[in-house]
Protein backbone atom coordinates (compact mmCIF):
# COMPACT_ATOMS: atom_id res chain seq x y z
CA MET A 1 0.01 -0.04 -0.08
CA SER A 2 1.39 3.30 -0.87
CA PRO A 3 1.81 6.28 1.61
CA LEU A 4 -1.31 8.03 -0.42
CA GLU A 5 -3.33 4.95 -0.23
CA LYS A 6 -2.67 4.77 3.60
CA ALA A 7 -3.35 8.19 4.33
CA VAL A 8 -6.73 7.68 2.36
CA GLU A 9 -7.54 4.67 4.50
CA PHE A 10 -6.78 6.60 7.81
CA ILE A 11 -8.85 9.27 6.98
CA LYS A 12 -11.68 7.04 5.81
CA SER A 13 -11.76 5.31 9.07
CA SER A 14 -11.41 8.34 11.29
CA ASN A 15 -13.89 10.63 12.81
CA ASN A 16 -11.98 13.01 15.10
CA ILE A 17 -9.24 14.18 12.89
CA VAL A 18 -7.04 17.23 13.78
CA ALA A 19 -4.97 18.93 11.47
CA PHE A 20 -1.61 20.76 12.58
CA THR A 21 -0.38 23.24 9.60
CA GLY A 22 2.46 25.45 9.10
CA ALA A 23 3.70 27.71 6.33
CA GLY A 24 3.78 24.87 3.61
CA ALA A 25 0.01 24.94 3.76
CA SER A 26 0.08 28.49 2.16
CA THR A 27 2.98 28.37 -0.21
CA GLU A 28 0.58 27.28 -2.95
CA SER A 29 -1.27 30.57 -2.39
CA ASN A 30 1.99 32.39 -3.15
CA ILE A 31 2.74 33.07 0.63
CA PRO A 32 6.56 32.01 1.14
CA ASP A 33 7.49 29.88 4.00
CA PHE A 34 10.21 30.69 6.40
CA ARG A 35 13.05 27.88 5.95
CA SER A 36 13.08 26.78 2.60
CA ASP A 37 15.88 27.98 -0.04
CA GLN A 38 13.65 30.54 -0.88
CA GLY A 39 11.81 31.03 2.18
CA LEU A 40 11.70 34.36 4.41
CA TYR A 41 14.89 33.67 6.39
CA SER A 42 16.91 33.04 3.22
CA LYS A 43 16.52 36.85 2.41
CA GLU A 44 19.68 38.91 2.26
CA LYS A 45 20.00 40.64 5.81
CA GLU A 46 21.43 43.79 3.91
CA GLU A 47 18.17 44.50 2.59
CA TYR A 48 16.82 45.49 5.77
CA GLY A 49 19.83 45.72 7.95
CA TYR A 50 18.72 43.01 10.51
CA PRO A 51 17.85 39.40 10.29
CA PRO A 52 14.23 38.73 10.05
CA GLU A 53 14.04 36.68 13.36
CA VAL A 54 15.21 40.21 15.11
CA MET A 55 12.85 42.32 13.07
CA LEU A 56 10.02 40.13 14.32
CA SER A 57 10.78 40.36 17.71
CA HIS A 58 8.84 42.19 20.43
CA SER A 59 11.87 44.10 21.47
CA PHE A 60 12.63 45.28 17.72
CA PHE A 61 8.97 46.16 17.44
CA MET A 62 8.96 48.62 20.49
CA ARG A 63 12.33 50.06 19.58
CA HIS A 64 11.91 50.37 15.83
CA PRO A 65 8.00 50.18 14.67
CA ASP A 66 8.94 51.90 11.41
CA LYS A 67 11.46 49.37 10.38
CA PHE A 68 9.28 46.69 11.60
CA TYR A 69 6.30 47.81 9.49
CA THR A 70 8.45 48.34 6.55
CA PHE A 71 9.45 44.69 6.71
CA TYR A 72 6.02 43.34 7.77
CA LYS A 73 4.09 45.14 5.16
CA LYS A 74 5.99 43.91 2.39
CA GLU A 75 7.23 40.45 3.70
CA ILE A 76 4.58 39.12 6.04
CA VAL A 77 1.14 40.42 4.90
CA HIS A 78 -0.07 39.35 1.48
CA ARG A 79 -3.54 40.99 1.34
CA ASP A 80 -4.32 39.28 -2.04
CA ALA A 81 -3.63 35.59 -1.38
CA GLU A 82 -6.56 33.21 -1.73
CA PRO A 83 -6.94 29.83 -0.25
CA ASN A 84 -5.72 26.95 -2.13
CA PRO A 85 -6.60 23.27 -2.24
CA CYS A 86 -4.93 22.63 1.03
CA HIS A 87 -7.18 25.05 2.92
CA LEU A 88 -10.44 23.90 0.99
CA ALA A 89 -9.75 20.23 1.48
CA LEU A 90 -9.44 20.58 5.18
CA ALA A 91 -12.56 22.89 5.30
CA LYS A 92 -14.35 20.01 3.32
CA LEU A 93 -13.19 17.49 5.83
CA GLU A 94 -14.73 19.81 8.58
CA GLU A 95 -17.81 20.32 6.73
CA ILE A 96 -18.53 16.42 6.54
CA GLY A 97 -17.69 16.13 10.12
CA LYS A 98 -14.38 14.14 10.20
CA LEU A 99 -12.14 17.03 10.99
CA LYS A 100 -12.94 18.62 14.28
CA ALA A 101 -10.19 21.26 14.57
CA ILE A 102 -7.28 22.86 12.69
CA ILE A 103 -4.09 23.96 14.74
CA THR A 104 -2.16 26.49 12.67
CA GLN A 105 1.22 28.30 13.18
CA ASN A 106 0.07 30.49 10.20
CA ILE A 107 -1.10 34.31 10.64
CA ASP A 108 -2.84 34.52 7.26
CA GLY A 109 -6.46 33.75 8.03
CA LEU A 110 -6.62 31.57 4.95
CA HIS A 111 -8.20 28.53 6.79
CA GLN A 112 -10.98 30.64 7.83
CA ARG A 113 -11.31 32.32 4.41
CA ALA A 114 -11.84 28.74 2.81
CA GLY A 115 -14.68 27.92 5.44
CA SER A 116 -12.89 26.35 8.39
CA ARG A 117 -14.73 27.30 11.53
CA ASN A 118 -12.81 25.91 14.38
CA VAL A 119 -9.30 27.07 14.08
CA MET A 120 -6.55 27.30 16.82
CA GLU A 121 -4.02 30.10 15.77
CA LEU A 122 -1.11 29.43 17.82
CA HIS A 123 0.60 32.60 16.62
CA GLY A 124 -2.17 35.07 16.23
CA THR A 125 -3.57 36.57 12.96
CA ILE A 126 -2.71 39.44 10.64
CA HIS A 127 -6.31 40.04 10.55
CA LYS A 128 -6.71 41.65 13.99
CA ASN A 129 -4.68 44.80 15.18
CA TYR A 130 -5.00 46.82 18.41
CA CYS A 131 -3.77 50.16 19.82
CA LEU A 132 -1.06 49.85 22.38
CA SER A 133 -2.50 52.76 24.12
CA CYS A 134 -6.42 52.26 24.44
CA GLY A 135 -6.68 48.54 23.03
CA LYS A 136 -9.12 49.69 20.29
CA PHE A 137 -9.24 46.83 17.70
CA PHE A 138 -8.64 47.54 13.96
CA ASP A 139 -8.59 45.41 10.67
CA LEU A 140 -6.06 44.72 8.24
CA ASN A 141 -7.23 47.28 5.68
CA TYR A 142 -6.74 49.82 8.21
CA ILE A 143 -3.12 49.00 8.54
CA LEU A 144 -2.33 48.76 5.10
CA ASP A 145 -4.34 51.72 3.93
CA SER A 146 -2.97 54.18 6.70
CA LYS A 147 -1.10 56.86 5.27
CA GLU A 148 1.38 56.61 7.84
CA LEU A 149 3.92 53.86 7.80
CA VAL A 150 3.31 53.18 11.48
CA PRO A 151 -0.34 53.07 11.63
CA LYS A 152 -2.12 55.29 14.33
CA CYS A 153 -5.29 54.78 16.36
CA ASP A 154 -8.05 57.11 15.08
CA GLU A 155 -9.00 57.87 18.89
CA CYS A 156 -5.74 58.49 20.87
CA ASN A 157 -3.31 58.52 18.29
CA GLY A 158 -1.29 55.48 19.93
CA ILE A 159 0.54 53.02 17.84
CA ILE A 160 -1.29 50.08 16.57
CA ARG A 161 0.47 46.60 16.42
CA PRO A 162 -0.59 43.24 14.90
CA ASP A 163 -2.23 40.74 17.20
CA ILE A 164 0.59 38.26 16.36
CA VAL A 165 3.02 36.52 18.50
CA LEU A 166 6.30 38.15 18.07
CA TYR A 167 9.67 36.41 19.11
CA GLU A 168 9.95 36.94 23.02
CA GLU A 169 6.35 36.51 23.45
CA PRO A 170 4.54 33.71 25.06
CA LEU A 171 1.79 31.85 23.19
CA ASP A 172 -1.88 32.35 24.39
CA SER A 173 -2.51 29.84 27.34
CA ASP A 174 -6.19 29.43 26.28
CA VAL A 175 -5.25 28.51 22.66
CA LEU A 176 -2.24 26.22 24.06
CA ASN A 177 -4.91 24.43 26.10
CA ASP A 178 -7.35 23.85 23.70
CA SER A 179 -4.84 22.52 21.06
CA VAL A 180 -3.54 20.06 23.43
CA THR A 181 -6.73 18.70 24.21
CA TYR A 182 -7.69 18.30 20.64
CA ILE A 183 -4.63 16.67 19.94
CA SER A 184 -4.59 14.33 22.80
CA GLU A 185 -8.30 13.36 21.62
CA ALA A 186 -7.63 12.90 17.96
CA ASP A 187 -7.80 9.53 16.52
CA CYS A 188 -5.99 10.73 13.36
CA LEU A 189 -3.33 13.77 13.23
CA ILE A 190 -2.65 15.26 9.80
CA VAL A 191 0.51 17.50 10.12
CA ILE A 192 0.90 19.73 7.06
CA GLY A 193 3.63 22.03 5.60
CA THR A 194 5.65 22.50 8.83
CA SER A 195 9.34 21.84 9.70
CA LEU A 196 8.26 21.21 13.40
CA VAL A 197 11.54 22.99 14.59
CA VAL A 198 9.64 26.08 16.18
CA TYR A 199 8.70 25.55 19.75
CA PRO A 200 6.74 25.46 21.96
CA ALA A 201 4.30 24.77 19.02
CA ALA A 202 5.85 21.64 17.60
CA ALA A 203 5.93 20.26 21.11
CA LEU A 204 2.36 19.79 20.89
CA ILE A 205 2.81 17.08 18.30
CA ASP A 206 3.95 14.89 21.60
CA TYR A 207 0.28 14.89 23.03
CA TYR A 208 -0.81 12.72 20.10
CA LYS A 209 -0.63 9.21 21.31
CA GLN A 210 -2.66 7.00 18.66
CA GLU A 211 -1.20 5.24 15.69
CA LYS A 212 -2.26 7.41 12.57
CA MET A 213 -0.42 10.29 12.12
CA ILE A 214 0.36 11.56 8.67
CA ILE A 215 3.01 14.15 7.79
CA ILE A 216 2.63 15.95 4.71
CA ASN A 217 5.90 17.88 4.34
CA LYS A 218 8.44 18.49 1.42
CA THR A 219 11.54 17.77 3.99
CA PRO A 220 12.25 15.64 6.97
CA THR A 221 11.18 16.81 10.24
CA PRO A 222 12.14 15.92 13.91
CA TYR A 223 8.99 13.85 14.25
CA ASP A 224 9.06 11.55 11.08
CA TRP A 225 9.72 8.55 13.56
CA LYS A 226 6.21 9.07 15.11
CA ALA A 227 4.45 9.20 11.68
CA SER A 228 2.79 6.16 9.88
CA VAL A 229 2.60 8.01 6.78
CA ILE A 230 5.07 10.34 5.43
CA ILE A 231 4.25 12.24 2.02
CA ARG A 232 7.06 14.54 0.75
CA ASP A 233 4.98 16.71 -1.66
CA ASN A 234 2.77 19.87 -1.84
CA ALA A 235 0.16 20.05 0.58
CA GLY A 236 -2.54 21.13 -1.71
CA VAL A 237 -1.73 18.69 -4.34
CA THR A 238 -1.87 15.76 -1.67
CA LEU A 239 -5.05 16.67 -0.02
CA LYS A 240 -6.94 16.92 -3.41
CA LYS A 241 -5.53 13.75 -4.23
CA ILE A 242 -6.80 12.05 -1.25
CA LEU A 243 -10.18 13.75 -1.36
CA LYS A 244 -10.59 12.69 -5.01
CA GLU A 245 -9.86 8.92 -3.74
CA LEU A 246 -12.34 9.55 -0.93
CA GLY A 247 -15.02 10.88 -3.45
CA ILE A 248 -15.35 14.10 -1.71
CA TRP A 249 -13.53 16.61 -4.03
CA GLU A 250 -15.39 17.23 -7.31
């Protein structure tokens, strides 16, 4: 039995599936990942003067919000990105009652755009932004359409920041706890498009104790030993094939 056939059997026989997604779930939407040869972290530091990991840190944002937003608006936000077959396939699995939750490291909101409703966003979202002074929330368009490089609150003129988890900041404890519960109770775990090297997010995989773990990723991960199925291909291409085999992709 091929890995694809085995994945089909796992999904067919499961009714409490959880998906854990990373940047590779969105590359087919033309959003670069982080650690591949063409990823965000491979960019020349000279272009901005700092490595991406520094510019995406809490301390850098507080010291240099102008440099942060120059990088953020150009490299992190992709307003015109559309859901790809990976997002659409997961939404379909939720719609038919098999997929119970998506736990994502992504901040692009494409799972929700595709129709998924139960999404745990470990690292926050670009679609929520708030004033550091008064706490008022703003949508993504307000940030991108601002005439100022560093967007300011329309009520108190305070600096607005994205509601994302920056380096040096903890993950939301409620989101983490919910994610642990979903993974520990899952009968099938599909890990999609993530290198599984970013902690504490990657450590959530340890809470899966069953035997039906599928990894769909183009490169090896530290958790390959734990998986029963490993598929080295694009996430959207693979999930589309799986759903076609299941008879639920038109």
